[in-house]
Amino acid sequence: MLRLGALDVPDGRFVVMAIVNRTPDSFYDRGATYELAAAVERVDQVVAEGADMVDVGGVKAAPGEEVSPAEEIRRTVDLVAAIRAAHPALPISIDTWRAPVAREALAAGADVVNDAWGGVDPRLAEVAAEAGAGIVCTHAGGLPPRTRPHRVAYDDVVADIVTRTTALAEAAVASGVDRERVLVDPGHDFGKNTRHSLEATRRIGELVDTGWPVLMALSNKDFVGETLDVPLDQRLTGTLAATAVSAWLGARVFRVHDAAATRQTLDMVASIQGTRPPVRTVRGLA
């Protein structure tokens, strides 16, 4: 069983984690949900489109203007509180690598710490444990936050992913995080080139086989754009293809920009697998 806040996720069920960023310089929406009212409206929209949880972030992953912990807290904590008030049972994750930010967001109602930078702040797991929250343990190749890979090389990228993420997961449990609330993320594009990210997708079953629930953050990333030679606004098809493959191979949670299309893709995969019945079956019967 995977547990995300108040949501228990049995085997065979896929989770859509919708991205709601309060950043003025987001690579995807260029600040469309930076204002609090717009962010809250976006949460309502993605929930209506089938999102199971939302991921709140206040600092874009790419290099850019410095954002202090205090500013990150200002951007995220009131949004977390507003979401919790509007959607009492909706799981919320806070996308941060900083323990002070995580502590404030968890106090405001977040359920999961989404650490996209691979444990650079070892206090994150302790903060999650103190709050009874979950944590996402991500492979970032050892890079500092908000840095891009340059000629990065691995003897075996998937072996490195498995080793680093499972070590972080075990450390989180040792710090007191409930084992059922720990996820691992191969970290597409983080500390990786496009070939690395494609290999991580192709071999994601090796991470699934560790027994830790796997989260995939694939949405509109550069590896999709480079693979298909398409700009940012044309990456949905490639993202959904990678999503379907990853779901078929056992990944369970998908962090996405387009909740509706992802929900349909994952529902179709589940129906093909036989874990979700079709909504109606009148063909050949009427």
Protein backbone atom coordinates (compact mmCIF):
# COMPACT_ATOMS: atom_id res chain seq x y z
CA MET A 1 0.00 0.00 0.00
CA LEU A 2 1.15 3.51 -0.89
CA ARG A 3 -0.21 6.27 1.34
CA LEU A 4 -0.36 9.92 0.25
CA GLY A 5 -1.91 12.04 2.96
CA ALA A 6 -5.41 10.69 3.48
CA LEU A 7 -5.29 8.77 0.19
CA ASP A 8 -4.54 5.04 0.28
CA VAL A 9 -3.36 3.84 -3.12
CA PRO A 10 -3.73 0.09 -3.71
CA ASP A 11 -1.62 -1.80 -6.22
CA GLY A 12 -2.88 -1.27 -9.74
CA ARG A 13 -4.05 2.29 -9.23
CA PHE A 14 -2.18 5.16 -10.86
CA VAL A 15 -1.93 8.59 -9.26
CA VAL A 16 -1.99 11.88 -11.17
CA MET A 17 0.02 14.58 -9.36
CA ALA A 18 -0.81 17.93 -10.94
CA ILE A 19 1.79 20.70 -10.92
CA VAL A 20 0.75 24.09 -9.55
CA ASN A 21 3.76 26.42 -9.38
CA ARG A 22 3.83 29.86 -7.79
CA THR A 23 6.83 31.01 -9.76
CA PRO A 24 6.92 34.06 -12.05
CA ASP A 25 9.44 32.35 -14.33
CA SER A 26 8.18 28.77 -14.68
CA PHE A 27 9.62 27.08 -17.76
CA TYR A 28 6.18 25.81 -18.74
CA ASP A 29 3.54 28.44 -18.03
CA ARG A 30 5.73 31.52 -17.55
CA GLY A 31 3.99 32.49 -14.32
CA ALA A 32 0.36 31.79 -15.19
CA THR A 33 -0.33 30.58 -11.62
CA TYR A 34 1.99 32.96 -9.78
CA GLU A 35 -0.86 34.99 -8.30
CA LEU A 36 -2.61 33.22 -5.44
CA ALA A 37 -6.09 33.45 -6.92
CA ALA A 38 -4.91 31.99 -10.23
CA ALA A 39 -3.13 29.16 -8.43
CA VAL A 40 -6.22 28.25 -6.38
CA GLU A 41 -8.35 28.34 -9.53
CA ARG A 42 -5.86 26.04 -11.24
CA VAL A 43 -6.12 23.56 -8.36
CA ASP A 44 -9.90 23.46 -8.72
CA GLN A 45 -9.47 22.88 -12.46
CA VAL A 46 -7.00 19.98 -12.21
CA VAL A 47 -9.07 18.27 -9.53
CA ALA A 48 -12.08 18.45 -11.86
CA GLU A 49 -9.89 16.98 -14.62
CA GLY A 50 -9.01 13.94 -12.55
CA ALA A 51 -5.92 14.86 -10.54
CA ASP A 52 -5.51 12.83 -7.36
CA MET A 53 -3.09 15.27 -5.71
CA VAL A 54 -1.27 18.53 -6.36
CA ASP A 55 2.39 19.48 -6.16
CA VAL A 56 3.14 23.06 -5.07
CA GLY A 57 6.46 24.68 -5.92
CA GLY A 58 7.92 28.13 -5.40
CA VAL A 59 11.30 27.91 -7.16
CA LYS A 60 11.83 26.82 -10.73
CA ALA A 61 14.28 23.94 -11.19
CA ALA A 62 16.42 25.67 -13.80
CA PRO A 63 19.05 28.31 -13.05
CA GLY A 64 17.67 31.78 -12.55
CA GLU A 65 17.16 34.58 -10.08
CA GLU A 66 18.02 33.64 -6.50
CA VAL A 67 14.97 32.83 -4.36
CA SER A 68 15.54 33.01 -0.61
CA PRO A 69 13.93 30.53 1.79
CA ALA A 70 11.74 33.34 3.10
CA GLU A 71 10.52 34.17 -0.41
CA GLU A 72 9.93 30.49 -1.19
CA ILE A 73 7.83 30.25 1.98
CA ARG A 74 5.88 33.36 0.99
CA ARG A 75 5.10 31.88 -2.41
CA THR A 76 4.04 28.44 -1.25
CA VAL A 77 2.69 28.31 2.29
CA ASP A 78 -0.42 30.45 1.84
CA LEU A 79 -1.26 28.44 -1.29
CA VAL A 80 -0.93 25.17 0.63
CA ALA A 81 -3.25 26.56 3.31
CA ALA A 82 -5.77 27.71 0.71
CA ILE A 83 -5.77 24.31 -0.99
CA ARG A 84 -6.23 22.53 2.31
CA ALA A 85 -9.18 24.74 3.17
CA ALA A 86 -10.84 24.21 -0.21
CA HIS A 87 -10.02 20.50 -0.55
CA PRO A 88 -9.72 18.96 2.93
CA ALA A 89 -8.82 15.44 1.75
CA LEU A 90 -6.68 16.28 -1.29
CA PRO A 91 -3.04 15.16 -0.91
CA ILE A 92 -0.62 18.06 -1.31
CA SER A 93 3.11 17.83 -1.89
CA ILE A 94 5.59 20.66 -1.42
CA ASP A 95 8.34 20.74 -4.04
CA THR A 96 11.39 21.95 -2.12
CA TRP A 97 14.90 20.90 -1.17
CA ARG A 98 14.94 23.14 1.94
CA ALA A 99 13.95 21.87 5.37
CA PRO A 100 12.67 25.24 6.69
CA VAL A 101 10.35 25.58 3.70
CA ALA A 102 9.13 22.01 4.08
CA ARG A 103 8.44 22.54 7.79
CA GLU A 104 6.24 25.59 7.15
CA ALA A 105 4.38 23.95 4.25
CA LEU A 106 3.70 20.79 6.23
CA ALA A 107 2.38 22.87 9.12
CA ALA A 108 0.04 24.60 6.67
CA GLY A 109 -1.40 21.28 5.49
CA ALA A 110 0.98 19.63 3.01
CA ASP A 111 1.29 15.84 3.19
CA VAL A 112 4.43 15.03 1.19
CA VAL A 113 7.87 16.60 0.72
CA ASN A 114 8.88 16.31 -2.94
CA ASP A 115 12.68 16.56 -2.76
CA ALA A 116 13.72 16.86 -6.41
CA TRP A 117 17.42 17.44 -5.64
CA GLY A 118 18.38 14.16 -4.07
CA GLY A 119 18.76 14.88 -0.38
CA VAL A 120 21.08 17.89 -0.44
CA ASP A 121 19.48 18.90 2.87
CA PRO A 122 19.52 15.77 5.09
CA ARG A 123 17.11 17.45 7.51
CA LEU A 124 14.24 17.09 5.03
CA ALA A 125 13.50 13.51 6.05
CA GLU A 126 13.54 14.47 9.72
CA VAL A 127 11.08 17.28 9.06
CA ALA A 128 8.80 14.92 7.12
CA ALA A 129 8.99 12.36 9.93
CA GLU A 130 8.13 14.92 12.60
CA ALA A 131 5.01 15.90 10.66
CA GLY A 132 3.98 12.33 9.83
CA ALA A 133 4.40 13.21 6.18
CA GLY A 134 5.74 11.35 3.16
CA ILE A 135 8.80 12.08 1.06
CA VAL A 136 9.90 11.67 -2.56
CA CYS A 137 13.55 10.58 -2.92
CA THR A 138 14.90 11.70 -6.28
CA HIS A 139 18.03 10.95 -8.28
CA ALA A 140 19.77 14.17 -9.34
CA GLY A 141 23.21 12.74 -9.97
CA GLY A 142 24.70 14.57 -7.01
CA LEU A 143 24.26 18.01 -8.60
CA PRO A 144 23.54 21.09 -6.46
CA PRO A 145 20.03 22.53 -6.78
CA ARG A 146 19.19 24.53 -9.89
CA THR A 147 22.22 23.46 -11.90
CA ARG A 148 22.26 21.85 -15.33
CA PRO A 149 24.28 18.73 -16.17
CA HIS A 150 27.36 19.21 -18.32
CA ARG A 151 28.97 16.19 -19.97
CA VAL A 152 27.75 14.02 -17.11
CA ALA A 153 28.69 10.34 -17.40
CA TYR A 154 27.69 7.14 -15.63
CA ASP A 155 29.06 3.62 -15.88
CA ASP A 156 25.40 2.55 -15.64
CA VAL A 157 22.86 5.32 -15.15
CA VAL A 158 20.08 3.01 -13.94
CA ALA A 159 22.34 1.31 -11.43
CA ASP A 160 23.25 4.76 -10.09
CA ILE A 161 19.57 5.72 -9.92
CA VAL A 162 18.70 2.56 -8.00
CA THR A 163 21.61 2.90 -5.58
CA ARG A 164 21.09 6.56 -4.76
CA THR A 165 17.30 6.61 -4.49
CA THR A 166 16.99 3.45 -2.42
CA ALA A 167 19.70 4.70 -0.04
CA LEU A 168 17.74 7.94 0.40
CA ALA A 169 14.53 5.96 0.94
CA GLU A 170 16.09 3.73 3.59
CA ALA A 171 17.58 6.79 5.30
CA ALA A 172 14.15 8.43 5.34
CA VAL A 173 12.63 5.38 7.02
CA ALA A 174 15.51 5.34 9.51
CA SER A 175 14.67 8.99 10.28
CA GLY A 176 11.11 7.99 11.13
CA VAL A 177 9.17 8.42 7.88
CA ASP A 178 6.48 5.76 7.45
CA ARG A 179 7.74 3.26 4.86
CA GLU A 180 4.35 3.36 3.10
CA ARG A 181 4.80 7.11 2.56
CA VAL A 182 8.17 6.97 0.78
CA LEU A 183 8.51 7.17 -3.01
CA VAL A 184 11.48 7.15 -5.36
CA ASP A 185 11.91 9.21 -8.54
CA PRO A 186 14.52 8.50 -11.25
CA GLY A 187 14.82 12.25 -11.87
CA HIS A 188 14.45 12.62 -15.63
CA ASP A 189 16.70 15.44 -16.96
CA PHE A 190 18.14 16.07 -13.47
CA GLY A 191 21.83 15.24 -13.70
CA LYS A 192 21.17 13.47 -16.99
CA ASN A 193 21.30 13.97 -20.72
CA THR A 194 18.53 12.84 -23.06
CA ARG A 195 20.02 9.39 -23.63
CA HIS A 196 20.21 8.85 -19.88
CA SER A 197 16.57 9.82 -19.44
CA LEU A 198 15.46 7.52 -22.25
CA GLU A 199 17.40 4.64 -20.72
CA ALA A 200 15.91 5.36 -17.31
CA THR A 201 12.45 5.13 -18.85
CA ARG A 202 13.22 1.97 -20.80
CA ARG A 203 14.62 0.25 -17.70
CA ILE A 204 12.26 1.73 -15.08
CA GLY A 205 11.23 -1.80 -14.15
CA GLU A 206 14.56 -2.17 -12.36
CA LEU A 207 13.61 0.66 -10.01
CA VAL A 208 10.09 -0.73 -9.64
CA ASP A 209 11.61 -4.07 -8.64
CA THR A 210 13.18 -2.49 -5.55
CA GLY A 211 9.70 -2.42 -4.03
CA TRP A 212 9.60 1.34 -3.50
CA PRO A 213 6.69 3.09 -5.27
CA VAL A 214 8.02 4.98 -8.29
CA LEU A 215 7.09 8.55 -9.18
CA MET A 216 7.76 9.78 -12.72
CA ALA A 217 8.24 13.49 -13.48
CA LEU A 218 8.21 13.37 -17.28
CA SER A 219 5.94 16.21 -18.24
CA ASN A 220 7.18 18.38 -21.13
CA LYS A 221 10.82 17.82 -20.20
CA ASP A 222 13.80 18.46 -22.44
CA PHE A 223 14.42 14.77 -23.10
CA VAL A 224 11.02 14.64 -24.80
CA GLY A 225 11.71 17.78 -26.79
CA GLU A 226 15.15 16.62 -27.93
CA THR A 227 13.99 13.10 -28.76
CA LEU A 228 11.22 14.35 -31.04
CA ASP A 229 12.82 17.68 -32.00
CA VAL A 230 9.77 19.64 -30.87
CA PRO A 231 9.39 22.89 -28.90
CA LEU A 232 7.91 23.14 -25.43
CA ASP A 233 4.33 23.60 -26.59
CA GLN A 234 4.43 20.38 -28.67
CA ARG A 235 5.70 17.89 -26.09
CA LEU A 236 2.40 16.48 -24.81
CA THR A 237 2.29 13.52 -27.23
CA GLY A 238 5.80 12.43 -26.33
CA THR A 239 5.08 12.93 -22.64
CA LEU A 240 2.00 10.72 -22.83
CA ALA A 241 3.91 8.01 -24.71
CA ALA A 242 6.56 7.95 -21.98
CA THR A 243 3.78 7.96 -19.38
CA ALA A 244 2.05 4.94 -20.88
CA VAL A 245 5.30 2.97 -21.12
CA SER A 246 6.25 3.84 -17.55
CA ALA A 247 2.82 2.90 -16.21
CA TRP A 248 2.90 -0.41 -18.04
CA LEU A 249 6.33 -1.12 -16.50
CA GLY A 250 5.08 -0.43 -12.98
CA ALA A 251 5.47 3.26 -12.13
CA ARG A 252 2.63 4.50 -9.95
CA VAL A 253 2.63 8.30 -9.58
CA PHE A 254 2.93 10.83 -12.41
CA ARG A 255 3.78 14.50 -11.90
CA VAL A 256 2.15 16.38 -14.78
CA HIS A 257 1.07 19.68 -16.29
CA ASP A 258 -1.88 18.24 -18.26
CA ALA A 259 -4.06 16.37 -15.78
CA ALA A 260 -6.94 15.48 -18.12
CA ALA A 261 -4.81 13.88 -20.87
CA THR A 262 -2.71 12.03 -18.31
CA ARG A 263 -5.78 10.73 -16.50
CA GLN A 264 -7.16 9.30 -19.74
CA THR A 265 -3.81 7.76 -20.66
CA LEU A 266 -3.39 6.08 -17.28
CA ASP A 267 -7.00 4.88 -17.21
CA MET A 268 -6.50 3.28 -20.61
CA VAL A 269 -3.31 1.55 -19.46
CA ALA A 270 -5.09 0.28 -16.35
CA SER A 271 -7.98 -1.05 -18.43
CA ILE A 272 -5.61 -2.85 -20.80
CA GLN A 273 -3.85 -4.33 -17.77
CA GLY A 274 -7.21 -5.47 -16.45
CA THR A 275 -7.18 -3.50 -13.19
CA ARG A 276 -9.85 -1.00 -14.28
CA PRO A 277 -13.10 -1.94 -16.03
CA PRO A 278 -14.26 0.13 -19.01
CA VAL A 279 -16.90 2.71 -18.20
CA ARG A 280 -19.34 1.11 -20.64
CA THR A 281 -19.32 -1.98 -22.87
CA VAL A 282 -22.28 -1.90 -25.24
CA ARG A 283 -20.43 -2.64 -28.49
CA GLY A 284 -21.62 -5.98 -29.87
CA LEU A 285 -24.25 -6.28 -27.15
CA ALA A 286 -26.97 -3.79 -28.09
